[in-house]
C-alpha atoms as a PDB file:
ATOM      1  CA  MET A   1      -7.348   8.864  -9.709  1.00  0.00           C
ATOM      2  CA  ILE A   2      -5.690   7.734  -7.284  1.00  0.00           C
ATOM      3  CA  PRO A   3      -5.648   4.270  -5.922  1.00  0.00           C
ATOM      4  CA  PHE A   4      -4.249   3.309  -2.543  1.00  0.00           C
ATOM      5  CA  ILE A   5      -0.595   2.193  -2.478  1.00  0.00           C
ATOM      6  CA  PHE A   6       2.648   2.816  -0.571  1.00  0.00           C
ATOM      7  CA  LYS A   7       6.271   3.939  -1.183  1.00  0.00           C
ATOM      8  CA  ARG A   8       9.739   3.147   0.127  1.00  0.00           C
ATOM      9  CA  LYS A   9      10.413   6.750   1.166  1.00  0.00           C
ATOM     10  CA  VAL A  10       6.977   8.202   0.909  1.00  0.00           C
ATOM     11  CA  PHE A  11       3.549   6.683   1.157  1.00  0.00           C
ATOM     12  CA  LEU A  12       1.180   6.960  -1.698  1.00  0.00           C
ATOM     13  CA  ALA A  13      -1.361   7.455  -4.145  1.00  0.00           C
ATOM     14  CA  GLY A  14      -3.787   5.994  -3.569  1.00  0.00           C
ATOM     15  CA  ILE A  15      -4.362   6.873  -0.278  1.00  0.00           C
ATOM     16  CA  LEU A  16      -5.232   6.573   3.328  1.00  0.00           C
ATOM     17  CA  LEU A  17      -6.337   9.677   5.040  1.00  0.00           C
ATOM     18  CA  ILE A  18      -7.103  10.347   8.685  1.00  0.00           C
ATOM     19  CA  GLY A  19      -7.246  14.090   9.306  1.00  0.00           C
ATOM     20  CA  ALA A  20      -6.757  15.919  12.551  1.00  0.00           C
ATOM     21  CA  THR A  21      -9.501  18.299  13.729  1.00  0.00           C
ATOM     22  CA  SER A  22      -8.781  21.967  13.009  1.00  0.00           C
ATOM     23  CA  VAL A  23      -9.879  24.752  15.341  1.00  0.00           C
ATOM     24  CA  THR A  24      -9.989  28.498  14.954  1.00  0.00           C
ATOM     25  CA  ALA A  25      -7.525  30.625  16.911  1.00  0.00           C
ATOM     26  CA  GLY A  26      -8.826  31.227  20.444  1.00  0.00           C
ATOM     27  CA  SER A  27     -11.801  28.911  19.905  1.00  0.00           C
ATOM     28  CA  SER A  28     -12.542  25.294  20.753  1.00  0.00           C
ATOM     29  CA  GLN A  29     -15.080  25.019  17.956  1.00  0.00           C
ATOM     30  CA  PRO A  30     -13.925  22.832  15.046  1.00  0.00           C
ATOM     31  CA  LEU A  31     -13.980  24.365  11.604  1.00  0.00           C
ATOM     32  CA  SER A  32     -16.512  23.078   9.084  1.00  0.00           C
ATOM     33  CA  VAL A  33     -15.306  20.975   6.166  1.00  0.00           C
ATOM     34  CA  ASP A  34     -15.790  23.845   3.716  1.00  0.00           C
ATOM     35  CA  GLU A  35     -13.905  26.250   5.997  1.00  0.00           C
ATOM     36  CA  ARG A  36     -11.008  23.803   6.131  1.00  0.00           C
ATOM     37  CA  LEU A  37     -11.096  23.420   2.356  1.00  0.00           C
ATOM     38  CA  ARG A  38     -10.948  27.198   1.935  1.00  0.00           C
ATOM     39  CA  ARG A  39      -7.777  27.151   4.033  1.00  0.00           C
ATOM     40  CA  GLY A  40      -6.255  24.679   1.579  1.00  0.00           C
ATOM     41  CA  GLU A  41      -6.511  21.658   3.857  1.00  0.00           C
ATOM     42  CA  VAL A  42      -7.003  18.075   2.739  1.00  0.00           C
ATOM     43  CA  VAL A  43      -9.886  16.715   4.816  1.00  0.00           C
ATOM     44  CA  SER A  44      -9.669  12.973   5.236  1.00  0.00           C
ATOM     45  CA  GLU A  45     -10.485   9.884   7.215  1.00  0.00           C
ATOM     46  CA  GLY A  46      -9.667   6.222   6.895  1.00  0.00           C
ATOM     47  CA  GLY A  47      -8.708   2.982   8.575  1.00  0.00           C
ATOM     48  CA  TYR A  48      -9.121  -0.771   8.524  1.00  0.00           C
ATOM     49  CA  GLU A  49     -12.247  -2.786   7.831  1.00  0.00           C
ATOM     50  CA  GLY A  50     -11.205  -6.388   8.277  1.00  0.00           C
ATOM     51  CA  ALA A  51      -8.581  -7.086   5.613  1.00  0.00           C
ATOM     52  CA  LEU A  52      -9.590  -3.938   3.734  1.00  0.00           C
ATOM     53  CA  VAL A  53      -8.057  -0.507   4.003  1.00  0.00           C
ATOM     54  CA  TRP A  54     -10.508   2.312   3.363  1.00  0.00           C
ATOM     55  CA  ALA A  55     -10.176   6.058   3.002  1.00  0.00           C
ATOM     56  CA  LYS A  56     -12.009   9.184   1.958  1.00  0.00           C
ATOM     57  CA  MET A  57     -10.413  12.472   1.001  1.00  0.00           C
ATOM     58  CA  ILE A  58     -11.873  15.885   0.163  1.00  0.00           C
ATOM     59  CA  ALA A  59      -9.914  18.854  -1.191  1.00  0.00           C
ATOM     60  CA  ALA A  60     -10.525  22.123  -3.035  1.00  0.00           C
ATOM     61  CA  ILE A  61      -8.562  23.004  -6.168  1.00  0.00           C
ATOM     62  CA  GLU A  62      -8.433  26.507  -7.653  1.00  0.00           C
ATOM     63  CA  ALA A  63      -9.229  25.354 -11.178  1.00  0.00           C
ATOM     64  CA  PRO A  64     -12.384  24.364 -13.089  1.00  0.00           C
ATOM     65  CA  PRO A  65     -13.588  20.735 -12.816  1.00  0.00           C
ATOM     66  CA  SER A  66     -13.078  20.281 -16.566  1.00  0.00           C
ATOM     67  CA  LEU A  67      -9.361  21.044 -16.202  1.00  0.00           C
ATOM     68  CA  VAL A  68      -8.925  18.772 -13.160  1.00  0.00           C
ATOM     69  CA  TRP A  69     -10.744  16.026 -15.077  1.00  0.00           C
ATOM     70  CA  GLN A  70      -8.286  16.354 -17.943  1.00  0.00           C
ATOM     71  CA  ILE A  71      -5.402  16.016 -15.487  1.00  0.00           C
ATOM     72  CA  PHE A  72      -6.974  12.821 -14.141  1.00  0.00           C
ATOM     73  CA  ILE A  73      -7.538  11.089 -17.490  1.00  0.00           C
ATOM     74  CA  ASP A  74      -4.073  11.990 -18.871  1.00  0.00           C
ATOM     75  CA  SER A  75      -2.546   8.730 -17.601  1.00  0.00           C
ATOM     76  CA  ASP A  76       0.592   9.058 -19.725  1.00  0.00           C
ATOM     77  CA  ARG A  77       1.408  12.431 -18.138  1.00  0.00           C
ATOM     78  CA  TRP A  78       1.068  11.477 -14.470  1.00  0.00           C
ATOM     79  CA  LEU A  79       4.830  11.115 -14.054  1.00  0.00           C
ATOM     80  CA  SER A  80       5.275  14.759 -15.020  1.00  0.00           C
ATOM     81  CA  TYR A  81       3.002  15.781 -12.119  1.00  0.00           C
ATOM     82  CA  GLU A  82       5.681  14.606  -9.653  1.00  0.00           C
ATOM     83  CA  ILE A  83       3.229  12.498  -7.673  1.00  0.00           C
ATOM     84  CA  PRO A  84       4.977  10.930  -4.661  1.00  0.00           C
ATOM     85  CA  THR A  85       5.767   7.189  -4.928  1.00  0.00           C
ATOM     86  CA  LEU A  86       4.668   6.907  -8.559  1.00  0.00           C
ATOM     87  CA  LEU A  87       7.213   5.014 -10.677  1.00  0.00           C
ATOM     88  CA  ASP A  88       5.210   4.673 -13.888  1.00  0.00           C
ATOM     89  CA  SER A  89       1.768   5.430 -15.315  1.00  0.00           C
ATOM     90  CA  ARG A  90       0.400   4.571 -18.743  1.00  0.00           C
ATOM     91  CA  LEU A  91      -2.813   4.358 -20.666  1.00  0.00           C
ATOM     92  CA  VAL A  92      -3.345   0.774 -21.828  1.00  0.00           C
ATOM     93  CA  THR A  93      -6.120  -1.131 -23.571  1.00  0.00           C
ATOM     94  CA  PRO A  94      -8.411  -3.970 -22.446  1.00  0.00           C
ATOM     95  CA  LYS A  95      -6.470  -6.226 -24.829  1.00  0.00           C
ATOM     96  CA  ILE A  96      -3.260  -5.556 -22.881  1.00  0.00           C
ATOM     97  CA  THR A  97      -5.108  -6.086 -19.600  1.00  0.00           C
ATOM     98  CA  ASN A  98      -6.490  -9.417 -20.788  1.00  0.00           C
ATOM     99  CA  GLN A  99      -3.046 -10.557 -21.897  1.00  0.00           C
ATOM    100  CA  VAL A 100      -1.598  -9.733 -18.476  1.00  0.00           C
ATOM    101  CA  GLY A 101      -4.329 -11.817 -16.882  1.00  0.00           C
ATOM    102  CA  GLU A 102      -3.589 -13.078 -13.366  1.00  0.00           C
ATOM    103  CA  SER A 103       0.160 -12.440 -13.515  1.00  0.00           C
ATOM    104  CA  LYS A 104       1.673 -10.899 -10.372  1.00  0.00           C
ATOM    105  CA  LYS A 105       4.932  -9.922 -12.079  1.00  0.00           C
ATOM    106  CA  VAL A 106       5.264  -6.370 -13.356  1.00  0.00           C
ATOM    107  CA  GLY A 107       7.981  -7.566 -15.732  1.00  0.00           C
ATOM    108  CA  HIS A 108       5.351  -9.655 -17.499  1.00  0.00           C
ATOM    109  CA  PHE A 109       3.310  -6.507 -18.085  1.00  0.00           C
ATOM    110  CA  TYR A 110       6.287  -4.696 -19.636  1.00  0.00           C
ATOM    111  CA  GLU A 111       7.038  -7.689 -21.884  1.00  0.00           C
ATOM    112  CA  ILE A 112       3.478  -7.605 -23.214  1.00  0.00           C
ATOM    113  CA  LEU A 113       3.411  -3.810 -23.585  1.00  0.00           C
ATOM    114  CA  GLY A 114       6.744  -3.532 -25.392  1.00  0.00           C
ATOM    115  CA  ARG A 115       6.992  -0.149 -27.089  1.00  0.00           C
ATOM    116  CA  GLN A 116       3.264   0.293 -27.612  1.00  0.00           C
ATOM    117  CA  SER A 117       1.521   3.509 -26.610  1.00  0.00           C
ATOM    118  CA  PHE A 118      -2.130   4.437 -26.902  1.00  0.00           C
ATOM    119  CA  SER A 119      -4.160   7.593 -27.452  1.00  0.00           C
ATOM    120  CA  MET A 120      -6.865   8.750 -25.047  1.00  0.00           C
ATOM    121  CA  ARG A 121      -8.434  10.695 -27.896  1.00  0.00           C
ATOM    122  CA  SER A 122      -9.551   7.502 -29.616  1.00  0.00           C
ATOM    123  CA  GLN A 123     -11.147   6.159 -26.421  1.00  0.00           C
ATOM    124  CA  ARG A 124     -12.767   9.224 -24.865  1.00  0.00           C
ATOM    125  CA  LEU A 125     -16.425  10.045 -25.470  1.00  0.00           C
ATOM    126  CA  VAL A 126     -16.623  13.733 -24.610  1.00  0.00           C
ATOM    127  CA  GLY A 127     -19.838  14.473 -22.716  1.00  0.00           C
ATOM    128  CA  GLY A 128     -20.744  10.799 -22.445  1.00  0.00           C
ATOM    129  CA  GLU A 129     -20.009   7.590 -20.599  1.00  0.00           C
ATOM    130  CA  TRP A 130     -16.912   5.679 -21.607  1.00  0.00           C
ATOM    131  CA  GLY A 131     -14.029   3.776 -20.063  1.00  0.00           C
ATOM    132  CA  HIS A 132     -10.274   3.329 -20.061  1.00  0.00           C
ATOM    133  CA  ASP A 133      -7.606   1.106 -18.488  1.00  0.00           C
ATOM    134  CA  ALA A 134      -4.648   2.696 -16.681  1.00  0.00           C
ATOM    135  CA  PHE A 135      -1.436   1.014 -15.518  1.00  0.00           C
ATOM    136  CA  GLN A 136       0.165   2.370 -12.342  1.00  0.00           C
ATOM    137  CA  PHE A 137       3.348   1.253 -10.572  1.00  0.00           C
ATOM    138  CA  TYR A 138       4.285   2.476  -7.086  1.00  0.00           C
ATOM    139  CA  ASP A 139       7.377   2.293  -4.909  1.00  0.00           C
ATOM    140  CA  VAL A 140       6.423   0.802  -1.552  1.00  0.00           C
ATOM    141  CA  PRO A 141       8.115   0.947   1.851  1.00  0.00           C
ATOM    142  CA  TRP A 142       9.839  -2.113   3.197  1.00  0.00           C
ATOM    143  CA  PRO A 143       8.699  -4.742   4.155  1.00  0.00           C
ATOM    144  CA  VAL A 144       5.848  -4.450   1.618  1.00  0.00           C
ATOM    145  CA  LYS A 145       6.783  -5.174  -1.994  1.00  0.00           C
ATOM    146  CA  ASN A 146       6.245  -2.590  -4.721  1.00  0.00           C
ATOM    147  CA  ARG A 147       2.677  -2.555  -5.935  1.00  0.00           C
ATOM    148  CA  TRP A 148       1.394  -2.287  -9.493  1.00  0.00           C
ATOM    149  CA  MET A 149      -2.017  -2.554 -11.040  1.00  0.00           C
ATOM    150  CA  ILE A 150      -4.133  -1.970 -14.068  1.00  0.00           C
ATOM    151  CA  ILE A 151      -7.206  -0.030 -13.069  1.00  0.00           C
ATOM    152  CA  ARG A 152     -10.408  -0.267 -15.072  1.00  0.00           C
ATOM    153  CA  VAL A 153     -11.982   3.175 -15.010  1.00  0.00           C
ATOM    154  CA  GLN A 154     -15.603   3.936 -15.860  1.00  0.00           C
ATOM    155  CA  ASP A 155     -15.760   7.599 -16.853  1.00  0.00           C
ATOM    156  CA  ASP A 156     -18.952   9.672 -16.669  1.00  0.00           C
ATOM    157  CA  GLU A 157     -19.036  13.113 -18.294  1.00  0.00           C
ATOM    158  CA  THR A 158     -22.801  13.192 -18.867  1.00  0.00           C
ATOM    159  CA  LYS A 159     -23.243  16.104 -16.427  1.00  0.00           C
ATOM    160  CA  SER A 160     -20.128  17.989 -17.472  1.00  0.00           C
ATOM    161  CA  LEU A 161     -22.159  21.041 -18.522  1.00  0.00           C
ATOM    162  CA  THR A 162     -22.912  21.551 -14.821  1.00  0.00           C
ATOM    163  CA  GLY A 163     -19.285  20.911 -13.889  1.00  0.00           C
ATOM    164  CA  LEU A 164     -19.900  17.409 -12.518  1.00  0.00           C
ATOM    165  CA  TYR A 165     -17.537  14.548 -13.431  1.00  0.00           C
ATOM    166  CA  ARG A 166     -17.421  11.048 -11.945  1.00  0.00           C
ATOM    167  CA  ALA A 167     -15.072   8.083 -12.282  1.00  0.00           C
ATOM    168  CA  THR A 168     -15.381   4.667 -10.659  1.00  0.00           C
ATOM    169  CA  MET A 169     -12.337   2.401 -10.516  1.00  0.00           C
ATOM    170  CA  THR A 170     -11.748  -1.311  -9.987  1.00  0.00           C
ATOM    171  CA  LYS A 171      -8.643  -3.489 -10.104  1.00  0.00           C
ATOM    172  CA  ALA A 172      -8.378  -5.356 -13.424  1.00  0.00           C
ATOM    173  CA  ALA A 173      -4.854  -6.797 -13.014  1.00  0.00           C
ATOM    174  CA  GLY A 174      -1.788  -6.480 -10.792  1.00  0.00           C
ATOM    175  CA  ASN A 175      -0.356  -7.604  -7.480  1.00  0.00           C
ATOM    176  CA  ILE A 176      -2.955  -6.072  -5.180  1.00  0.00           C
ATOM    177  CA  LYS A 177      -5.928  -8.214  -4.225  1.00  0.00           C
ATOM    178  CA  SER A 178      -8.763  -5.766  -4.797  1.00  0.00           C
ATOM    179  CA  LEU A 179      -9.572  -2.100  -5.277  1.00  0.00           C
ATOM    180  CA  GLU A 180     -12.818  -0.182  -5.535  1.00  0.00           C
ATOM    181  CA  ALA A 181     -12.636   3.594  -5.736  1.00  0.00           C
ATOM    182  CA  GLU A 182     -14.649   6.616  -6.785  1.00  0.00           C
ATOM    183  CA  MET A 183     -13.680  10.169  -7.684  1.00  0.00           C
ATOM    184  CA  VAL A 184     -16.216  12.983  -8.000  1.00  0.00           C
ATOM    185  CA  LEU A 185     -15.436  16.489  -9.240  1.00  0.00           C
ATOM    186  CA  ALA A 186     -17.905  19.349  -8.848  1.00  0.00           C
ATOM    187  CA  PRO A 187     -17.822  23.152  -8.593  1.00  0.00           C
ATOM    188  CA  PHE A 188     -16.664  24.208  -5.113  1.00  0.00           C
ATOM    189  CA  GLU A 189     -19.341  26.275  -3.377  1.00  0.00           C
ATOM    190  CA  GLY A 190     -21.089  26.719  -6.717  1.00  0.00           C
ATOM    191  CA  ASP A 191     -18.077  28.446  -8.297  1.00  0.00           C
ATOM    192  CA  PRO A 192     -17.333  26.864 -11.723  1.00  0.00           C
ATOM    193  CA  ARG A 193     -13.757  28.194 -11.528  1.00  0.00           C
ATOM    194  CA  ARG A 194     -12.972  25.997  -8.500  1.00  0.00           C
ATOM    195  CA  THR A 195     -13.239  22.256  -7.934  1.00  0.00           C
ATOM    196  CA  ARG A 196     -14.429  20.180  -5.012  1.00  0.00           C
ATOM    197  CA  PHE A 197     -12.398  16.969  -5.293  1.00  0.00           C
ATOM    198  CA  VAL A 198     -13.765  13.901  -3.461  1.00  0.00           C
ATOM    199  CA  TYR A 199     -11.990  10.555  -3.554  1.00  0.00           C
ATOM    200  CA  SER A 200     -12.937   7.385  -1.695  1.00  0.00           C
ATOM    201  CA  VAL A 201     -11.350   3.941  -1.835  1.00  0.00           C
ATOM    202  CA  ARG A 202     -11.567   0.446  -0.379  1.00  0.00           C
ATOM    203  CA  THR A 203      -8.665  -1.849  -1.133  1.00  0.00           C
ATOM    204  CA  ASP A 204      -7.033  -5.084  -0.085  1.00  0.00           C
ATOM    205  CA  PRO A 205      -3.322  -4.545  -0.858  1.00  0.00           C
ATOM    206  CA  ASP A 206      -2.672  -8.262  -0.243  1.00  0.00           C
ATOM    207  CA  ALA A 207      -0.187  -7.354   2.476  1.00  0.00           C
ATOM    208  CA  HIS A 208      -0.367  -6.044   6.007  1.00  0.00           C
ATOM    209  CA  VAL A 209      -0.015  -2.286   6.125  1.00  0.00           C
ATOM    210  CA  PRO A 210       1.596  -1.102   9.404  1.00  0.00           C
ATOM    211  CA  LYS A 211      -0.393   1.610  11.121  1.00  0.00           C
ATOM    212  CA  PHE A 212       2.604   3.951  11.221  1.00  0.00           C
ATOM    213  CA  LEU A 213       2.616   3.906   7.391  1.00  0.00           C
ATOM    214  CA  ILE A 214      -1.042   4.838   7.377  1.00  0.00           C
ATOM    215  CA  ARG A 215      -0.326   7.810   9.645  1.00  0.00           C
ATOM    216  CA  TRP A 216       2.605   8.770   7.442  1.00  0.00           C
ATOM    217  CA  GLY A 217       0.457   8.691   4.344  1.00  0.00           C
ATOM    218  CA  VAL A 218      -2.241  10.728   6.034  1.00  0.00           C
ATOM    219  CA  LYS A 219       0.055  13.494   7.201  1.00  0.00           C
ATOM    220  CA  ARG A 220       2.658  13.624   4.449  1.00  0.00           C
ATOM    221  CA  VAL A 221       1.887  11.915   1.175  1.00  0.00           C
ATOM    222  CA  MET A 222      -1.750  12.659   0.458  1.00  0.00           C
ATOM    223  CA  PRO A 223      -1.320  16.418   0.891  1.00  0.00           C
ATOM    224  CA  ALA A 224       1.716  16.102  -1.413  1.00  0.00           C
ATOM    225  CA  VAL A 225      -0.444  14.388  -4.051  1.00  0.00           C
ATOM    226  CA  ILE A 226      -2.978  17.207  -3.860  1.00  0.00           C
ATOM    227  CA  ARG A 227      -0.201  19.800  -4.120  1.00  0.00           C
ATOM    228  CA  ALA A 228       1.023  18.037  -7.266  1.00  0.00           C
ATOM    229  CA  ILE A 229      -2.458  18.175  -8.790  1.00  0.00           C
ATOM    230  CA  ARG A 230      -2.867  21.822  -7.814  1.00  0.00           C
ATOM    231  CA  GLN A 231       0.502  22.702  -9.292  1.00  0.00           C
ATOM    232  CA  GLU A 232      -0.360  20.982 -12.577  1.00  0.00           C
ATOM    233  CA  ALA A 233      -3.730  22.751 -12.628  1.00  0.00           C
ATOM    234  CA  MET A 234      -2.083  26.145 -12.154  1.00  0.00           C
ATOM    235  CA  LYS A 235       0.408  25.349 -14.905  1.00  0.00           C
ATOM    236  CA  ARG A 236      -2.355  24.429 -17.329  1.00  0.00           C
ATOM    237  CA  LYS A 237      -4.402  27.500 -16.448  1.00  0.00           C
ATOM    238  CA  ALA A 238      -1.381  29.698 -17.122  1.00  0.00           C
ATOM    239  CA  ASN A 239      -0.876  28.033 -20.478  1.00  0.00           C
ATOM    240  CA  ARG A 240      -4.598  28.139 -21.298  1.00  0.00           C
ATOM    241  CA  PHE A 241      -5.094  24.399 -21.422  1.00  0.00           C
ATOM    242  CA  PRO A 242      -8.748  23.372 -21.951  1.00  0.00           C
END
């Protein structure tokens, strides 16, 4: 889910994370990753690697991996999750992606899409390996221009009976230079009712990202993204979503 991008008032989705070390009260010993996750923290790290920006984020969500997976693949519903910086999100098809081609203009995408919409049900192979294309458009802080992309997602549900789900993502179109990301969902501490959410990304946004924006994203936006996912998960649990 979740590529790396930025916003004019908030910094995004995708997702640079550099976490501060937590310590227990009255102790200089840092907490373990799992202890921090139990406290609801987002554990993260990230930085520059040449022209690339990289990040890794780990969080715990009080919902089964199958439910969190459904939240991830529901591209057309991402706007309802109130994810910071996200302007638009839609499921598209490889045909749309191919028509967009190398265009850098988001308006060209909307001209091609028109009023079309697509169903995930016809593309998903429950319990198997399949793929989908997702359009995402993010508001980005000045002086960086807004960023949009079509992400090609390879979905793996072959180990879903054990609560393990995996998605790998690459940039297929848009005005970023490159993106490679992976999301893995698994039961947290062996509990099938809770999810260990791990997301890693390497991206070239085709623009210099000031370090203060990276710090902003680490401290403010990424935790807000996780809160949005958690809130949606709680809502679906309450309404008995699958």
